[in-house]
């Protein structure tokens, strides 16, 4: 089950309050303004600043 499109439309980055988007793998919510990503676990976005990692680390298996 993928994230609901309506949910993605209302999500915002908790750090900058900017728009976010789902990456192509469906495992991360990206905030390009901050340069960070938030994990998606069991189809639930974990939108906690403490859980965010830099976007550059995306291919290193941080799930």
Foldseek 3Di string as FASTA:
>chain_A
DAADPVVLVPDAQPVPRHHWDADPVRQWIDDVVVQWIFGQDPNRTPRDPVRIDGPVCVPVPPD
